[in-house]
Amino acid sequence: MKTIVDSPVGPLTLVAVGGALTGVYLEQQRHRPPEEDFGELDAAPFGPVVEQLAEYFAGRRTDFDLPLDLIGTPFQQRVWHALREIPYGETVSYGELAARIGRPSASRAVGLANGKNPISIIVPCHRVVGSDGNLTGYGGGIDRKRSLLDFEQRNAAGVQTALAL
């Protein structure tokens, strides 16, 4: 089943199967499955996802606590798990991410797996940059990637201050 919610980076299509989130797709996202694969429109089961995304975009949430079902190869799943360990407001390079999963020479494969991440924003593939720090490919477009990174970096200091209080 699916629902569509508005966000500062455009409409997000949320997809779930069996009570677990299987997709958060940006409009015109590369590697987005066909719409008919998402199932029927039903907003009811997405309450916690919508709430946590709203908190994230309001600058009050730095990570997510939701049941996820990341469907992919074992390698892709390792990459996607490692993405969830990148701290809010920070970035790593594809090479650094490859080293973190024990495959230091697999930065291209990491990039491909990153690009096929089905749960954007929540599994923060936008936090991966080129080795020189430049923004490189993002399934939702470079402008969205820049917007998400700028948003997180602006809010990271405020979140740390609030947590210290």
N, C-alpha and C. Protein backbone atom coordinates (compact mmCIF):
# COMPACT_ATOMS: atom_id res chain seq x y z
N MET A 1 0.83 -1.17 0.00
CA MET A 1 0.00 0.00 0.00
C MET A 1 0.88 1.24 0.00
N LYS A 2 0.28 2.35 -0.34
CA LYS A 2 1.05 3.58 -0.50
C LYS A 2 0.24 4.78 -0.03
N THR A 3 0.95 5.86 0.20
CA THR A 3 0.34 7.17 0.37
C THR A 3 1.33 8.19 -0.15
N ILE A 4 0.85 9.38 -0.40
CA ILE A 4 1.71 10.46 -0.89
C ILE A 4 1.59 11.62 0.09
N VAL A 5 2.74 12.14 0.52
CA VAL A 5 2.76 13.27 1.45
C VAL A 5 3.61 14.39 0.87
N ASP A 6 3.26 15.60 1.23
CA ASP A 6 4.06 16.75 0.81
C ASP A 6 5.27 16.88 1.72
N SER A 7 6.34 17.44 1.18
CA SER A 7 7.55 17.71 1.95
C SER A 7 8.25 18.91 1.34
N PRO A 8 9.21 19.49 2.05
CA PRO A 8 9.96 20.61 1.48
C PRO A 8 10.77 20.26 0.22
N VAL A 9 10.98 18.95 -0.02
CA VAL A 9 11.70 18.54 -1.23
C VAL A 9 10.76 17.95 -2.27
N GLY A 10 9.46 18.22 -2.11
CA GLY A 10 8.47 17.75 -3.06
C GLY A 10 7.69 16.56 -2.51
N PRO A 11 6.72 16.10 -3.30
CA PRO A 11 5.90 14.97 -2.84
C PRO A 11 6.75 13.72 -2.61
N LEU A 12 6.41 13.00 -1.53
CA LEU A 12 7.07 11.74 -1.21
C LEU A 12 6.04 10.63 -1.30
N THR A 13 6.36 9.57 -2.02
CA THR A 13 5.50 8.40 -2.07
C THR A 13 6.03 7.40 -1.05
N LEU A 14 5.19 7.11 -0.05
CA LEU A 14 5.54 6.15 0.99
C LEU A 14 4.91 4.82 0.63
N VAL A 15 5.70 3.75 0.75
CA VAL A 15 5.23 2.41 0.40
C VAL A 15 5.51 1.48 1.57
N ALA A 16 4.53 0.62 1.89
CA ALA A 16 4.71 -0.34 2.99
C ALA A 16 4.13 -1.68 2.57
N VAL A 17 4.74 -2.71 3.15
CA VAL A 17 4.25 -4.08 2.98
C VAL A 17 4.31 -4.74 4.35
N GLY A 18 3.20 -5.32 4.76
CA GLY A 18 3.18 -6.06 6.02
C GLY A 18 3.58 -5.23 7.23
N GLY A 19 3.24 -3.98 7.27
CA GLY A 19 3.54 -3.13 8.42
C GLY A 19 4.93 -2.53 8.45
N ALA A 20 5.75 -2.83 7.44
CA ALA A 20 7.11 -2.28 7.38
C ALA A 20 7.23 -1.36 6.17
N LEU A 21 7.95 -0.27 6.36
CA LEU A 21 8.20 0.67 5.28
C LEU A 21 9.18 0.06 4.28
N THR A 22 8.79 0.04 3.01
CA THR A 22 9.67 -0.52 1.97
C THR A 22 10.13 0.54 0.97
N GLY A 23 9.53 1.73 1.03
CA GLY A 23 9.94 2.76 0.09
C GLY A 23 9.54 4.16 0.52
N VAL A 24 10.44 5.10 0.27
CA VAL A 24 10.17 6.53 0.35
C VAL A 24 10.78 7.08 -0.94
N TYR A 25 9.91 7.39 -1.88
CA TYR A 25 10.37 7.80 -3.21
C TYR A 25 10.06 9.26 -3.47
N LEU A 26 11.07 9.95 -3.97
CA LEU A 26 10.92 11.33 -4.41
C LEU A 26 10.29 11.34 -5.79
N GLU A 27 9.63 12.43 -6.11
CA GLU A 27 9.06 12.59 -7.44
C GLU A 27 10.18 12.54 -8.48
N GLN A 28 9.98 11.81 -9.53
CA GLN A 28 10.94 11.65 -10.63
C GLN A 28 12.27 11.08 -10.17
N GLN A 29 12.25 10.25 -9.14
CA GLN A 29 13.47 9.63 -8.64
C GLN A 29 13.96 8.56 -9.60
N ARG A 30 15.26 8.57 -9.82
CA ARG A 30 15.88 7.52 -10.63
C ARG A 30 15.70 6.19 -9.88
N HIS A 31 15.52 5.12 -10.56
CA HIS A 31 15.32 3.78 -10.00
C HIS A 31 14.01 3.65 -9.22
N ARG A 32 13.08 4.53 -9.48
CA ARG A 32 11.76 4.45 -8.84
C ARG A 32 10.97 3.35 -9.55
N PRO A 33 10.41 2.40 -8.79
CA PRO A 33 9.60 1.36 -9.43
C PRO A 33 8.35 1.95 -10.07
N PRO A 34 7.73 1.20 -10.96
CA PRO A 34 6.49 1.69 -11.58
C PRO A 34 5.41 1.90 -10.50
N GLU A 35 4.61 2.91 -10.68
CA GLU A 35 3.56 3.28 -9.71
C GLU A 35 2.65 2.11 -9.38
N GLU A 36 2.33 1.27 -10.36
CA GLU A 36 1.42 0.15 -10.12
C GLU A 36 2.00 -0.89 -9.16
N ASP A 37 3.32 -0.87 -8.94
CA ASP A 37 3.95 -1.80 -7.99
C ASP A 37 3.71 -1.38 -6.54
N PHE A 38 3.25 -0.17 -6.30
CA PHE A 38 3.13 0.35 -4.95
C PHE A 38 1.86 -0.08 -4.23
N GLY A 39 0.90 -0.59 -4.92
CA GLY A 39 -0.34 -1.01 -4.27
C GLY A 39 -1.35 0.11 -4.17
N GLU A 40 -2.39 -0.16 -3.37
CA GLU A 40 -3.50 0.78 -3.24
C GLU A 40 -3.14 1.97 -2.36
N LEU A 41 -3.82 3.07 -2.62
CA LEU A 41 -3.65 4.29 -1.83
C LEU A 41 -4.39 4.14 -0.51
N ASP A 42 -3.65 4.28 0.61
CA ASP A 42 -4.25 4.16 1.94
C ASP A 42 -3.32 4.84 2.93
N ALA A 43 -3.71 5.98 3.46
CA ALA A 43 -2.86 6.75 4.37
C ALA A 43 -2.83 6.20 5.78
N ALA A 44 -3.81 5.38 6.16
CA ALA A 44 -3.98 4.94 7.55
C ALA A 44 -2.72 4.34 8.19
N PRO A 45 -2.03 3.40 7.54
CA PRO A 45 -0.90 2.76 8.22
C PRO A 45 0.39 3.60 8.27
N PHE A 46 0.37 4.79 7.71
CA PHE A 46 1.59 5.57 7.60
C PHE A 46 1.73 6.67 8.65
N GLY A 47 0.87 6.68 9.65
CA GLY A 47 0.90 7.74 10.67
C GLY A 47 2.27 7.99 11.27
N PRO A 48 2.95 6.94 11.81
CA PRO A 48 4.26 7.17 12.41
C PRO A 48 5.30 7.69 11.41
N VAL A 49 5.24 7.22 10.18
CA VAL A 49 6.20 7.67 9.15
C VAL A 49 5.97 9.15 8.86
N VAL A 50 4.70 9.52 8.65
CA VAL A 50 4.37 10.91 8.36
C VAL A 50 4.78 11.80 9.53
N GLU A 51 4.51 11.35 10.75
CA GLU A 51 4.87 12.13 11.94
C GLU A 51 6.38 12.32 12.04
N GLN A 52 7.14 11.24 11.85
CA GLN A 52 8.60 11.35 11.97
C GLN A 52 9.20 12.17 10.85
N LEU A 53 8.68 12.07 9.64
CA LEU A 53 9.16 12.92 8.55
C LEU A 53 8.86 14.39 8.84
N ALA A 54 7.69 14.67 9.38
CA ALA A 54 7.34 16.06 9.74
C ALA A 54 8.30 16.59 10.80
N GLU A 55 8.62 15.76 11.79
CA GLU A 55 9.58 16.17 12.83
C GLU A 55 10.96 16.41 12.22
N TYR A 56 11.37 15.55 11.30
CA TYR A 56 12.66 15.72 10.63
C TYR A 56 12.70 17.07 9.90
N PHE A 57 11.68 17.33 9.08
CA PHE A 57 11.67 18.56 8.30
C PHE A 57 11.45 19.81 9.16
N ALA A 58 10.97 19.62 10.38
CA ALA A 58 10.84 20.74 11.32
C ALA A 58 12.13 20.95 12.11
N GLY A 59 13.12 20.09 11.88
CA GLY A 59 14.40 20.21 12.57
C GLY A 59 14.40 19.62 13.97
N ARG A 60 13.40 18.80 14.30
CA ARG A 60 13.30 18.20 15.63
C ARG A 60 13.66 16.73 15.67
N ARG A 61 14.04 16.14 14.57
CA ARG A 61 14.40 14.72 14.53
C ARG A 61 15.65 14.54 13.70
N THR A 62 16.61 13.78 14.24
CA THR A 62 17.87 13.54 13.53
C THR A 62 18.01 12.10 13.04
N ASP A 63 17.17 11.22 13.55
CA ASP A 63 17.16 9.84 13.05
C ASP A 63 15.74 9.31 13.17
N PHE A 64 15.52 8.15 12.61
CA PHE A 64 14.17 7.60 12.52
C PHE A 64 14.09 6.26 13.26
N ASP A 65 12.93 6.01 13.82
CA ASP A 65 12.67 4.77 14.53
C ASP A 65 11.41 4.15 13.94
N LEU A 66 11.59 3.46 12.84
CA LEU A 66 10.46 2.89 12.10
C LEU A 66 10.81 1.47 11.65
N PRO A 67 9.82 0.59 11.55
CA PRO A 67 10.10 -0.74 10.98
C PRO A 67 10.35 -0.61 9.48
N LEU A 68 11.53 -1.04 9.06
CA LEU A 68 11.92 -0.95 7.65
C LEU A 68 12.11 -2.35 7.08
N ASP A 69 11.81 -2.51 5.82
CA ASP A 69 12.10 -3.74 5.09
C ASP A 69 12.83 -3.32 3.81
N LEU A 70 14.15 -3.30 3.91
CA LEU A 70 14.98 -2.90 2.77
C LEU A 70 15.19 -4.11 1.87
N ILE A 71 14.58 -4.08 0.72
CA ILE A 71 14.63 -5.22 -0.19
C ILE A 71 15.73 -4.99 -1.21
N GLY A 72 16.76 -5.83 -1.15
CA GLY A 72 17.88 -5.71 -2.07
C GLY A 72 18.84 -6.86 -1.86
N THR A 73 19.94 -6.83 -2.58
CA THR A 73 20.95 -7.87 -2.45
C THR A 73 21.64 -7.74 -1.08
N PRO A 74 22.33 -8.78 -0.65
CA PRO A 74 23.07 -8.66 0.61
C PRO A 74 24.07 -7.50 0.61
N PHE A 75 24.73 -7.26 -0.52
CA PHE A 75 25.67 -6.14 -0.61
C PHE A 75 24.93 -4.81 -0.47
N GLN A 76 23.84 -4.66 -1.19
CA GLN A 76 23.05 -3.43 -1.08
C GLN A 76 22.60 -3.21 0.37
N GLN A 77 22.14 -4.25 1.01
CA GLN A 77 21.68 -4.12 2.38
C GLN A 77 22.81 -3.69 3.32
N ARG A 78 24.02 -4.20 3.09
CA ARG A 78 25.17 -3.74 3.90
C ARG A 78 25.41 -2.26 3.71
N VAL A 79 25.34 -1.81 2.46
CA VAL A 79 25.54 -0.39 2.17
C VAL A 79 24.43 0.43 2.84
N TRP A 80 23.19 0.00 2.70
CA TRP A 80 22.07 0.75 3.26
C TRP A 80 22.13 0.79 4.79
N HIS A 81 22.58 -0.30 5.39
CA HIS A 81 22.76 -0.29 6.85
C HIS A 81 23.83 0.72 7.24
N ALA A 82 24.93 0.75 6.49
CA ALA A 82 26.01 1.70 6.78
C ALA A 82 25.55 3.15 6.59
N LEU A 83 24.66 3.39 5.65
CA LEU A 83 24.12 4.74 5.45
C LEU A 83 23.44 5.24 6.72
N ARG A 84 22.74 4.35 7.41
CA ARG A 84 22.00 4.73 8.61
C ARG A 84 22.93 5.09 9.76
N GLU A 85 24.20 4.79 9.61
CA GLU A 85 25.18 5.10 10.66
C GLU A 85 25.89 6.44 10.43
N ILE A 86 25.63 7.08 9.31
CA ILE A 86 26.24 8.39 9.04
C ILE A 86 25.49 9.41 9.89
N PRO A 87 26.19 10.11 10.76
CA PRO A 87 25.50 11.06 11.65
C PRO A 87 24.80 12.19 10.88
N TYR A 88 23.72 12.63 11.44
CA TYR A 88 22.94 13.76 10.94
C TYR A 88 23.85 14.96 10.76
N GLY A 89 23.73 15.61 9.62
CA GLY A 89 24.50 16.82 9.35
C GLY A 89 25.92 16.57 8.88
N GLU A 90 26.31 15.31 8.73
CA GLU A 90 27.66 14.97 8.29
C GLU A 90 27.60 14.26 6.95
N THR A 91 28.74 14.19 6.29
CA THR A 91 28.84 13.47 5.02
C THR A 91 30.06 12.55 5.06
N VAL A 92 30.02 11.54 4.21
CA VAL A 92 31.17 10.67 3.98
C VAL A 92 31.29 10.49 2.47
N SER A 93 32.46 10.11 2.03
CA SER A 93 32.65 9.85 0.60
C SER A 93 32.27 8.41 0.30
N TYR A 94 32.08 8.13 -0.98
CA TYR A 94 31.78 6.76 -1.40
C TYR A 94 32.91 5.83 -0.98
N GLY A 95 34.16 6.30 -1.09
CA GLY A 95 35.31 5.50 -0.68
C GLY A 95 35.30 5.22 0.82
N GLU A 96 34.97 6.23 1.62
CA GLU A 96 34.89 6.03 3.07
C GLU A 96 33.79 5.02 3.41
N LEU A 97 32.67 5.13 2.72
CA LEU A 97 31.58 4.19 2.98
C LEU A 97 31.99 2.78 2.59
N ALA A 98 32.69 2.65 1.47
CA ALA A 98 33.18 1.33 1.05
C ALA A 98 34.12 0.75 2.10
N ALA A 99 35.00 1.57 2.65
CA ALA A 99 35.92 1.10 3.70
C ALA A 99 35.15 0.69 4.95
N ARG A 100 34.11 1.43 5.29
CA ARG A 100 33.31 1.12 6.48
C ARG A 100 32.64 -0.25 6.40
N ILE A 101 32.32 -0.69 5.18
CA ILE A 101 31.69 -2.01 5.05
C ILE A 101 32.71 -3.10 4.73
N GLY A 102 34.00 -2.75 4.83
CA GLY A 102 35.05 -3.74 4.62
C GLY A 102 35.37 -4.01 3.17
N ARG A 103 34.99 -3.13 2.27
CA ARG A 103 35.25 -3.29 0.83
C ARG A 103 35.88 -2.02 0.29
N PRO A 104 37.11 -1.67 0.72
CA PRO A 104 37.70 -0.37 0.38
C PRO A 104 37.88 -0.10 -1.11
N SER A 105 37.91 -1.13 -1.92
CA SER A 105 38.09 -0.89 -3.36
C SER A 105 36.75 -0.91 -4.11
N ALA A 106 35.66 -0.91 -3.40
CA ALA A 106 34.34 -1.06 -4.03
C ALA A 106 33.54 0.24 -4.04
N SER A 107 34.21 1.39 -4.15
CA SER A 107 33.46 2.65 -4.08
C SER A 107 32.44 2.79 -5.20
N ARG A 108 32.74 2.27 -6.38
CA ARG A 108 31.75 2.35 -7.48
C ARG A 108 30.54 1.48 -7.18
N ALA A 109 30.78 0.29 -6.67
CA ALA A 109 29.66 -0.59 -6.32
C ALA A 109 28.84 0.01 -5.19
N VAL A 110 29.51 0.66 -4.26
CA VAL A 110 28.82 1.36 -3.17
C VAL A 110 27.95 2.47 -3.76
N GLY A 111 28.48 3.20 -4.73
CA GLY A 111 27.72 4.25 -5.37
C GLY A 111 26.47 3.72 -6.06
N LEU A 112 26.60 2.58 -6.72
CA LEU A 112 25.44 1.97 -7.39
C LEU A 112 24.39 1.53 -6.36
N ALA A 113 24.85 0.90 -5.28
CA ALA A 113 23.92 0.47 -4.22
C ALA A 113 23.26 1.68 -3.58
N ASN A 114 24.04 2.72 -3.34
CA ASN A 114 23.52 3.95 -2.76
C ASN A 114 22.40 4.52 -3.64
N GLY A 115 22.63 4.51 -4.93
CA GLY A 115 21.65 5.05 -5.88
C GLY A 115 20.36 4.25 -5.94
N LYS A 116 20.40 2.99 -5.51
CA LYS A 116 19.20 2.15 -5.54
C LYS A 116 18.53 2.07 -4.17
N ASN A 117 18.95 2.89 -3.25
CA ASN A 117 18.32 2.93 -1.93
C ASN A 117 16.82 3.22 -2.09
N PRO A 118 15.95 2.31 -1.62
CA PRO A 118 14.52 2.52 -1.81
C PRO A 118 13.87 3.44 -0.77
N ILE A 119 14.58 3.75 0.30
CA ILE A 119 13.97 4.52 1.39
C ILE A 119 14.77 5.80 1.59
N SER A 120 14.58 6.73 0.65
CA SER A 120 15.34 7.98 0.72
C SER A 120 14.99 8.77 1.98
N ILE A 121 15.85 9.65 2.35
CA ILE A 121 15.78 10.53 3.52
C ILE A 121 15.93 9.72 4.81
N ILE A 122 15.08 8.73 5.04
CA ILE A 122 15.14 7.92 6.26
C ILE A 122 16.41 7.08 6.27
N VAL A 123 16.77 6.50 5.15
CA VAL A 123 18.07 5.86 4.96
C VAL A 123 18.86 6.89 4.16
N PRO A 124 19.72 7.67 4.83
CA PRO A 124 20.22 8.94 4.29
C PRO A 124 21.31 8.83 3.23
N CYS A 125 20.92 8.37 2.05
CA CYS A 125 21.88 8.27 0.95
C CYS A 125 22.35 9.65 0.49
N HIS A 126 21.63 10.69 0.84
CA HIS A 126 22.04 12.05 0.47
C HIS A 126 23.30 12.49 1.20
N ARG A 127 23.71 11.78 2.24
CA ARG A 127 24.90 12.15 3.03
C ARG A 127 26.20 11.61 2.44
N VAL A 128 26.14 11.02 1.25
CA VAL A 128 27.35 10.49 0.60
C VAL A 128 27.74 11.42 -0.53
N VAL A 129 29.01 11.81 -0.53
CA VAL A 129 29.53 12.78 -1.50
C VAL A 129 30.76 12.22 -2.21
N GLY A 130 31.23 12.92 -3.20
CA GLY A 130 32.43 12.52 -3.92
C GLY A 130 33.67 12.62 -3.04
N SER A 131 34.76 12.02 -3.47
CA SER A 131 35.99 12.00 -2.67
C SER A 131 36.55 13.40 -2.42
N ASP A 132 36.20 14.35 -3.29
CA ASP A 132 36.66 15.72 -3.12
C ASP A 132 35.66 16.58 -2.36
N GLY A 133 34.59 15.95 -1.86
CA GLY A 133 33.57 16.67 -1.11
C GLY A 133 32.47 17.25 -1.98
N ASN A 134 32.63 17.16 -3.30
CA ASN A 134 31.59 17.68 -4.20
C ASN A 134 30.38 16.77 -4.21
N LEU A 135 29.23 17.39 -4.47
CA LEU A 135 28.01 16.62 -4.58
C LEU A 135 28.01 15.89 -5.90
N THR A 136 27.79 14.60 -5.82
CA THR A 136 27.71 13.77 -7.02
C THR A 136 26.37 13.07 -6.98
N GLY A 137 26.04 12.37 -8.03
CA GLY A 137 24.76 11.72 -8.22
C GLY A 137 23.84 11.57 -7.01
N TYR A 138 22.58 11.78 -7.26
CA TYR A 138 21.55 11.55 -6.26
C TYR A 138 20.28 11.23 -7.03
N GLY A 139 19.65 10.12 -6.69
CA GLY A 139 18.47 9.66 -7.41
C GLY A 139 17.36 10.69 -7.48
N GLY A 140 17.31 11.60 -6.51
CA GLY A 140 16.28 12.63 -6.49
C GLY A 140 16.74 13.93 -7.11
N GLY A 141 17.98 13.96 -7.62
CA GLY A 141 18.52 15.17 -8.23
C GLY A 141 19.46 15.91 -7.28
N ILE A 142 20.48 16.52 -7.85
CA ILE A 142 21.50 17.23 -7.07
C ILE A 142 20.90 18.38 -6.26
N ASP A 143 19.92 19.09 -6.82
CA ASP A 143 19.32 20.20 -6.07
C ASP A 143 18.66 19.72 -4.78
N ARG A 144 17.99 18.58 -4.84
CA ARG A 144 17.38 18.03 -3.62
C ARG A 144 18.45 17.59 -2.64
N LYS A 145 19.50 16.98 -3.15
CA LYS A 145 20.60 16.54 -2.28
C LYS A 145 21.19 17.75 -1.56
N ARG A 146 21.47 18.81 -2.31
CA ARG A 146 22.02 20.03 -1.73
C ARG A 146 21.07 20.59 -0.67
N SER A 147 19.78 20.59 -0.98
CA SER A 147 18.78 21.11 -0.06
C SER A 147 18.76 20.30 1.25
N LEU A 148 18.78 18.99 1.15
CA LEU A 148 18.77 18.14 2.35
C LEU A 148 20.04 18.32 3.17
N LEU A 149 21.19 18.36 2.51
CA LEU A 149 22.45 18.54 3.24
C LEU A 149 22.53 19.92 3.89
N ASP A 150 22.14 20.95 3.16
CA ASP A 150 22.15 22.30 3.74
C ASP A 150 21.22 22.37 4.94
N PHE A 151 20.04 21.80 4.80
CA PHE A 151 19.07 21.78 5.90
C PHE A 151 19.66 21.10 7.14
N GLU A 152 20.24 19.92 6.95
CA GLU A 152 20.81 19.18 8.09
C GLU A 152 21.98 19.92 8.71
N GLN A 153 22.86 20.49 7.89
CA GLN A 153 24.02 21.19 8.43
C GLN A 153 23.60 22.44 9.20
N ARG A 154 22.59 23.15 8.71
CA ARG A 154 22.07 24.32 9.43
C ARG A 154 21.49 23.92 10.78
N ASN A 155 20.79 22.80 10.80
CA ASN A 155 20.11 22.38 12.02
C ASN A 155 20.98 21.57 12.97
N ALA A 156 22.07 21.01 12.50
CA ALA A 156 22.90 20.15 13.34
C ALA A 156 23.40 20.87 14.58
N ALA A 157 23.86 22.11 14.45
CA ALA A 157 24.36 22.86 15.60
C ALA A 157 23.23 23.12 16.59
N GLY A 158 22.06 23.49 16.08
CA GLY A 158 20.92 23.74 16.95
C GLY A 158 20.46 22.49 17.68
N VAL A 159 20.49 21.36 17.00
CA VAL A 159 20.10 20.10 17.63
C VAL A 159 21.07 19.73 18.72
N GLN A 160 22.37 19.90 18.46
CA GLN A 160 23.37 19.58 19.48
C GLN A 160 23.20 20.47 20.70
N THR A 161 22.92 21.76 20.49
CA THR A 161 22.70 22.68 21.59
C THR A 161 21.48 22.25 22.42
N ALA A 162 20.39 21.89 21.73
CA ALA A 162 19.17 21.46 22.42
C ALA A 162 19.41 20.18 23.21
N LEU A 163 20.19 19.25 22.65
CA LEU A 163 20.46 18.00 23.34
C LEU A 163 21.32 18.23 24.59
N ALA A 164 22.17 19.24 24.56
CA ALA A 164 23.05 19.53 25.69
C ALA A 164 22.29 20.17 26.85
N LEU A 165 21.14 20.77 26.59
CA LEU A 165 20.38 21.45 27.64
C LEU A 165 19.71 20.52 28.59
